[in-house]
Amino acid sequence: MYICICNAIRECDLRTMARRTGGDAEGVYAALGKRPNCGQCLEEAEELIFEERESARPDTVAA
């Protein structure tokens, strides 16, 4: 599924780059060599990036 139509950024590309880089959606877009145009995708992109990073974190066990 495309998240950013303006830049043709797919969800899988966004998730992959979220695991490899830090920062917000604009930072992840920059790592992909893109920048937001209309900005309508940024909220959804932020949610996906957060979700991907949370799922990649190792579970911690309380002592």
PDB file of N, CA and C in Angstrom:
ATOM      1  N   MET A   1       0.843  -1.172   0.000  1.00  0.00           N
ATOM      2  CA  MET A   1       0.000   0.000   0.000  1.00  0.00           C
ATOM      3  C   MET A   1       0.896   1.247   0.000  1.00  0.00           C
ATOM      4  N   TYR A   2       0.492   2.233  -0.763  1.00  0.00           N
ATOM      5  CA  TYR A   2       1.228   3.489  -0.778  1.00  0.00           C
ATOM      6  C   TYR A   2       0.786   4.371   0.383  1.00  0.00           C
ATOM      7  N   ILE A   3       1.762   4.896   1.108  1.00  0.00           N
ATOM      8  CA  ILE A   3       1.494   5.818   2.207  1.00  0.00           C
ATOM      9  C   ILE A   3       1.582   7.252   1.683  1.00  0.00           C
ATOM     10  N   CYS A   4       2.598   7.501   0.868  1.00  0.00           N
ATOM     11  CA  CYS A   4       2.801   8.832   0.291  1.00  0.00           C
ATOM     12  C   CYS A   4       2.668   8.719  -1.221  1.00  0.00           C
ATOM     13  N   ILE A   5       1.575   9.238  -1.736  1.00  0.00           N
ATOM     14  CA  ILE A   5       1.333   9.199  -3.173  1.00  0.00           C
ATOM     15  C   ILE A   5       2.287  10.147  -3.900  1.00  0.00           C
ATOM     16  N   CYS A   6       2.531  11.304  -3.340  1.00  0.00           N
ATOM     17  CA  CYS A   6       3.394  12.304  -3.981  1.00  0.00           C
ATOM     18  C   CYS A   6       4.789  11.747  -4.280  1.00  0.00           C
ATOM     19  N   ASN A   7       5.315  10.933  -3.362  1.00  0.00           N
ATOM     20  CA  ASN A   7       6.667  10.392  -3.490  1.00  0.00           C
ATOM     21  C   ASN A   7       6.698   8.898  -3.786  1.00  0.00           C
ATOM     22  N   ALA A   8       5.538   8.293  -3.955  1.00  0.00           N
ATOM     23  CA  ALA A   8       5.423   6.859  -4.208  1.00  0.00           C
ATOM     24  C   ALA A   8       6.159   6.042  -3.143  1.00  0.00           C
ATOM     25  N   ILE A   9       5.936   6.401  -1.872  1.00  0.00           N
ATOM     26  CA  ILE A   9       6.540   5.661  -0.757  1.00  0.00           C
ATOM     27  C   ILE A   9       5.537   4.630  -0.275  1.00  0.00           C
ATOM     28  N   ARG A  10       5.964   3.374  -0.320  1.00  0.00           N
ATOM     29  CA  ARG A  10       5.107   2.276   0.103  1.00  0.00           C
ATOM     30  C   ARG A  10       5.275   2.021   1.597  1.00  0.00           C
ATOM     31  N   GLU A  11       4.276   1.398   2.170  1.00  0.00           N
ATOM     32  CA  GLU A  11       4.309   1.074   3.596  1.00  0.00           C
ATOM     33  C   GLU A  11       5.529   0.219   3.933  1.00  0.00           C
ATOM     34  N   CYS A  12       5.831  -0.762   3.103  1.00  0.00           N
ATOM     35  CA  CYS A  12       6.970  -1.647   3.397  1.00  0.00           C
ATOM     36  C   CYS A  12       8.287  -0.868   3.379  1.00  0.00           C
ATOM     37  N   ASP A  13       8.417   0.110   2.477  1.00  0.00           N
ATOM     38  CA  ASP A  13       9.634   0.940   2.437  1.00  0.00           C
ATOM     39  C   ASP A  13       9.750   1.782   3.699  1.00  0.00           C
ATOM     40  N   LEU A  14       8.635   2.337   4.119  1.00  0.00           N
ATOM     41  CA  LEU A  14       8.611   3.179   5.312  1.00  0.00           C
ATOM     42  C   LEU A  14       8.967   2.365   6.554  1.00  0.00           C
ATOM     43  N   ARG A  15       8.406   1.170   6.674  1.00  0.00           N
ATOM     44  CA  ARG A  15       8.683   0.309   7.825  1.00  0.00           C
ATOM     45  C   ARG A  15      10.154  -0.119   7.849  1.00  0.00           C
ATOM     46  N   THR A  16      10.684  -0.482   6.703  1.00  0.00           N
ATOM     47  CA  THR A  16      12.087  -0.891   6.623  1.00  0.00           C
ATOM     48  C   THR A  16      12.999   0.241   7.058  1.00  0.00           C
ATOM     49  N   MET A  17      12.750   1.429   6.550  1.00  0.00           N
ATOM     50  CA  MET A  17      13.603   2.568   6.878  1.00  0.00           C
ATOM     51  C   MET A  17      13.407   3.010   8.326  1.00  0.00           C
ATOM     52  N   ALA A  18      12.219   2.812   8.882  1.00  0.00           N
ATOM     53  CA  ALA A  18      11.971   3.153  10.287  1.00  0.00           C
ATOM     54  C   ALA A  18      12.857   2.322  11.206  1.00  0.00           C
ATOM     55  N   ARG A  19      13.113   1.067  10.821  1.00  0.00           N
ATOM     56  CA  ARG A  19      13.983   0.198  11.624  1.00  0.00           C
ATOM     57  C   ARG A  19      15.459   0.577  11.474  1.00  0.00           C
ATOM     58  N   ARG A  20      15.816   1.186  10.371  1.00  0.00           N
ATOM     59  CA  ARG A  20      17.215   1.508  10.087  1.00  0.00           C
ATOM     60  C   ARG A  20      17.638   2.907  10.506  1.00  0.00           C
ATOM     61  N   THR A  21      16.697   3.813  10.680  1.00  0.00           N
ATOM     62  CA  THR A  21      17.025   5.203  10.989  1.00  0.00           C
ATOM     63  C   THR A  21      16.225   5.694  12.179  1.00  0.00           C
ATOM     64  N   GLY A  22      16.621   6.829  12.687  1.00  0.00           N
ATOM     65  CA  GLY A  22      15.885   7.475  13.759  1.00  0.00           C
ATOM     66  C   GLY A  22      15.123   8.667  13.205  1.00  0.00           C
ATOM     67  N   GLY A  23      14.502   9.385  14.099  1.00  0.00           N
ATOM     68  CA  GLY A  23      13.828  10.611  13.702  1.00  0.00           C
ATOM     69  C   GLY A  23      12.365  10.415  13.370  1.00  0.00           C
ATOM     70  N   ASP A  24      11.769  11.513  12.988  1.00  0.00           N
ATOM     71  CA  ASP A  24      10.344  11.539  12.674  1.00  0.00           C
ATOM     72  C   ASP A  24      10.117  11.160  11.217  1.00  0.00           C
ATOM     73  N   ALA A  25       8.877  11.326  10.752  1.00  0.00           N
ATOM     74  CA  ALA A  25       8.530  10.959   9.378  1.00  0.00           C
ATOM     75  C   ALA A  25       9.375  11.718   8.367  1.00  0.00           C
ATOM     76  N   GLU A  26       9.591  13.001   8.600  1.00  0.00           N
ATOM     77  CA  GLU A  26      10.394  13.779   7.655  1.00  0.00           C
ATOM     78  C   GLU A  26      11.824  13.257   7.587  1.00  0.00           C
ATOM     79  N   GLY A  27      12.365  12.811   8.711  1.00  0.00           N
ATOM     80  CA  GLY A  27      13.700  12.232   8.734  1.00  0.00           C
ATOM     81  C   GLY A  27      13.767  10.907   7.985  1.00  0.00           C
ATOM     82  N   VAL A  28      12.723  10.107   8.133  1.00  0.00           N
ATOM     83  CA  VAL A  28      12.671   8.829   7.428  1.00  0.00           C
ATOM     84  C   VAL A  28      12.517   9.081   5.923  1.00  0.00           C
ATOM     85  N   TYR A  29      11.696  10.050   5.567  1.00  0.00           N
ATOM     86  CA  TYR A  29      11.552  10.411   4.148  1.00  0.00           C
ATOM     87  C   TYR A  29      12.909  10.847   3.588  1.00  0.00           C
ATOM     88  N   ALA A  30      13.631  11.648   4.341  1.00  0.00           N
ATOM     89  CA  ALA A  30      14.943  12.125   3.891  1.00  0.00           C
ATOM     90  C   ALA A  30      15.897  10.949   3.684  1.00  0.00           C
ATOM     91  N   ALA A  31      15.835   9.958   4.573  1.00  0.00           N
ATOM     92  CA  ALA A  31      16.679   8.775   4.425  1.00  0.00           C
ATOM     93  C   ALA A  31      16.330   8.003   3.155  1.00  0.00           C
ATOM     94  N   LEU A  32      15.101   8.155   2.706  1.00  0.00           N
ATOM     95  CA  LEU A  32      14.671   7.531   1.454  1.00  0.00           C
ATOM     96  C   LEU A  32      14.986   8.417   0.245  1.00  0.00           C
ATOM     97  N   GLY A  33      15.566   9.590   0.509  1.00  0.00           N
ATOM     98  CA  GLY A  33      15.878  10.517  -0.578  1.00  0.00           C
ATOM     99  C   GLY A  33      14.685  11.328  -1.032  1.00  0.00           C
ATOM    100  N   LYS A  34      13.706  11.460  -0.160  1.00  0.00           N
ATOM    101  CA  LYS A  34      12.455  12.174  -0.487  1.00  0.00           C
ATOM    102  C   LYS A  34      12.198  13.254   0.551  1.00  0.00           C
ATOM    103  N   ARG A  35      11.209  14.093   0.265  1.00  0.00           N
ATOM    104  CA  ARG A  35      10.721  15.038   1.264  1.00  0.00           C
ATOM    105  C   ARG A  35       9.226  15.200   1.071  1.00  0.00           C
ATOM    106  N   PRO A  36       8.499  15.465   2.142  1.00  0.00           N
ATOM    107  CA  PRO A  36       7.045  15.594   2.025  1.00  0.00           C
ATOM    108  C   PRO A  36       6.671  16.742   1.089  1.00  0.00           C
ATOM    109  N   ASN A  37       5.657  16.499   0.287  1.00  0.00           N
ATOM    110  CA  ASN A  37       5.157  17.550  -0.595  1.00  0.00           C
ATOM    111  C   ASN A  37       3.891  18.163  -0.019  1.00  0.00           C
ATOM    112  N   CYS A  38       2.779  17.459  -0.132  1.00  0.00           N
ATOM    113  CA  CYS A  38       1.512  18.027   0.360  1.00  0.00           C
ATOM    114  C   CYS A  38       1.358  17.853   1.866  1.00  0.00           C
ATOM    115  N   GLY A  39       2.006  16.828   2.443  1.00  0.00           N
ATOM    116  CA  GLY A  39       1.977  16.620   3.886  1.00  0.00           C
ATOM    117  C   GLY A  39       0.799  15.836   4.416  1.00  0.00           C
ATOM    118  N   GLN A  40      -0.121  15.418   3.560  1.00  0.00           N
ATOM    119  CA  GLN A  40      -1.301  14.700   4.031  1.00  0.00           C
ATOM    120  C   GLN A  40      -0.970  13.319   4.591  1.00  0.00           C
ATOM    121  N   CYS A  41       0.169  12.794   4.239  1.00  0.00           N
ATOM    122  CA  CYS A  41       0.555  11.450   4.669  1.00  0.00           C
ATOM    123  C   CYS A  41       1.313  11.427   5.990  1.00  0.00           C
ATOM    124  N   LEU A  42       1.744  12.574   6.465  1.00  0.00           N
ATOM    125  CA  LEU A  42       2.669  12.603   7.600  1.00  0.00           C
ATOM    126  C   LEU A  42       2.108  11.988   8.877  1.00  0.00           C
ATOM    127  N   GLU A  43       0.852  12.216   9.165  1.00  0.00           N
ATOM    128  CA  GLU A  43       0.272  11.652  10.388  1.00  0.00           C
ATOM    129  C   GLU A  43       0.250  10.129  10.329  1.00  0.00           C
ATOM    130  N   GLU A  44      -0.186   9.579   9.209  1.00  0.00           N
ATOM    131  CA  GLU A  44      -0.197   8.119   9.067  1.00  0.00           C
ATOM    132  C   GLU A  44       1.224   7.565   9.062  1.00  0.00           C
ATOM    133  N   ALA A  45       2.136   8.275   8.420  1.00  0.00           N
ATOM    134  CA  ALA A  45       3.530   7.838   8.387  1.00  0.00           C
ATOM    135  C   ALA A  45       4.114   7.805   9.794  1.00  0.00           C
ATOM    136  N   GLU A  46       3.846   8.828  10.597  1.00  0.00           N
ATOM    137  CA  GLU A  46       4.330   8.863  11.981  1.00  0.00           C
ATOM    138  C   GLU A  46       3.811   7.669  12.769  1.00  0.00           C
ATOM    139  N   GLU A  47       2.537   7.341  12.591  1.00  0.00           N
ATOM    140  CA  GLU A  47       1.950   6.200  13.301  1.00  0.00           C
ATOM    141  C   GLU A  47       2.621   4.895  12.898  1.00  0.00           C
ATOM    142  N   LEU A  48       2.860   4.706  11.606  1.00  0.00           N
ATOM    143  CA  LEU A  48       3.517   3.492  11.133  1.00  0.00           C
ATOM    144  C   LEU A  48       4.941   3.381  11.638  1.00  0.00           C
ATOM    145  N   ILE A  49       5.650   4.487  11.630  1.00  0.00           N
ATOM    146  CA  ILE A  49       7.036   4.502  12.108  1.00  0.00           C
ATOM    147  C   ILE A  49       7.077   4.136  13.590  1.00  0.00           C
ATOM    148  N   PHE A  50       6.206   4.746  14.383  1.00  0.00           N
ATOM    149  CA  PHE A  50       6.135   4.442  15.811  1.00  0.00           C
ATOM    150  C   PHE A  50       5.797   2.966  16.023  1.00  0.00           C
ATOM    151  N   GLU A  51       4.797   2.486  15.299  1.00  0.00           N
ATOM    152  CA  GLU A  51       4.379   1.091  15.424  1.00  0.00           C
ATOM    153  C   GLU A  51       5.525   0.139  15.076  1.00  0.00           C
ATOM    154  N   GLU A  52       6.231   0.433  14.008  1.00  0.00           N
ATOM    155  CA  GLU A  52       7.327  -0.436  13.583  1.00  0.00           C
ATOM    156  C   GLU A  52       8.458  -0.444  14.600  1.00  0.00           C
ATOM    157  N   ARG A  53       8.785   0.706  15.118  1.00  0.00           N
ATOM    158  CA  ARG A  53       9.872   0.779  16.103  1.00  0.00           C
ATOM    159  C   ARG A  53       9.486   0.104  17.405  1.00  0.00           C
ATOM    160  N   GLU A  54       8.229   0.226  17.800  1.00  0.00           N
ATOM    161  CA  GLU A  54       7.763  -0.437  19.022  1.00  0.00           C
ATOM    162  C   GLU A  54       7.805  -1.952  18.869  1.00  0.00           C
ATOM    163  N   SER A  55       7.412  -2.443  17.726  1.00  0.00           N
ATOM    164  CA  SER A  55       7.393  -3.891  17.509  1.00  0.00           C
ATOM    165  C   SER A  55       8.799  -4.463  17.391  1.00  0.00           C
ATOM    166  N   ALA A  56       9.767  -3.629  17.022  1.00  0.00           N
ATOM    167  CA  ALA A  56      11.150  -4.079  16.871  1.00  0.00           C
ATOM    168  C   ALA A  56      11.910  -4.080  18.203  1.00  0.00           C
ATOM    169  N   ARG A  57      11.361  -3.414  19.208  1.00  0.00           N
ATOM    170  CA  ARG A  57      12.033  -3.345  20.511  1.00  0.00           C
ATOM    171  C   ARG A  57      11.962  -4.699  21.200  1.00  0.00           C
ATOM    172  N   PRO A  58      13.055  -5.106  21.806  1.00  0.00           N
ATOM    173  CA  PRO A  58      13.018  -6.376  22.545  1.00  0.00           C
ATOM    174  C   PRO A  58      12.148  -6.237  23.793  1.00  0.00           C
ATOM    175  N   ASP A  59      11.469  -7.306  24.128  1.00  0.00           N
ATOM    176  CA  ASP A  59      10.657  -7.315  25.346  1.00  0.00           C
ATOM    177  C   ASP A  59      11.583  -7.260  26.551  1.00  0.00           C
ATOM    178  N   THR A  60      11.171  -6.503  27.548  1.00  0.00           N
ATOM    179  CA  THR A  60      11.965  -6.427  28.768  1.00  0.00           C
ATOM    180  C   THR A  60      11.197  -7.127  29.880  1.00  0.00           C
ATOM    181  N   VAL A  61      11.927  -7.764  30.739  1.00  0.00           N
ATOM    182  CA  VAL A  61      11.339  -8.495  31.857  1.00  0.00           C
ATOM    183  C   VAL A  61      11.693  -7.751  33.138  1.00  0.00           C
ATOM    184  N   ALA A  62      10.671  -7.456  33.917  1.00  0.00           N
ATOM    185  CA  ALA A  62      10.907  -6.767  35.192  1.00  0.00           C
ATOM    186  C   ALA A  62      11.514  -7.743  36.187  1.00  0.00           C
ATOM    187  N   ALA A  63      12.484  -7.255  36.922  1.00  0.00           N
ATOM    188  CA  ALA A  63      13.162  -8.110  37.906  1.00  0.00           C
ATOM    189  C   ALA A  63      12.441  -8.092  39.227  1.00  0.00           C
TER     190      ALA A  63
END
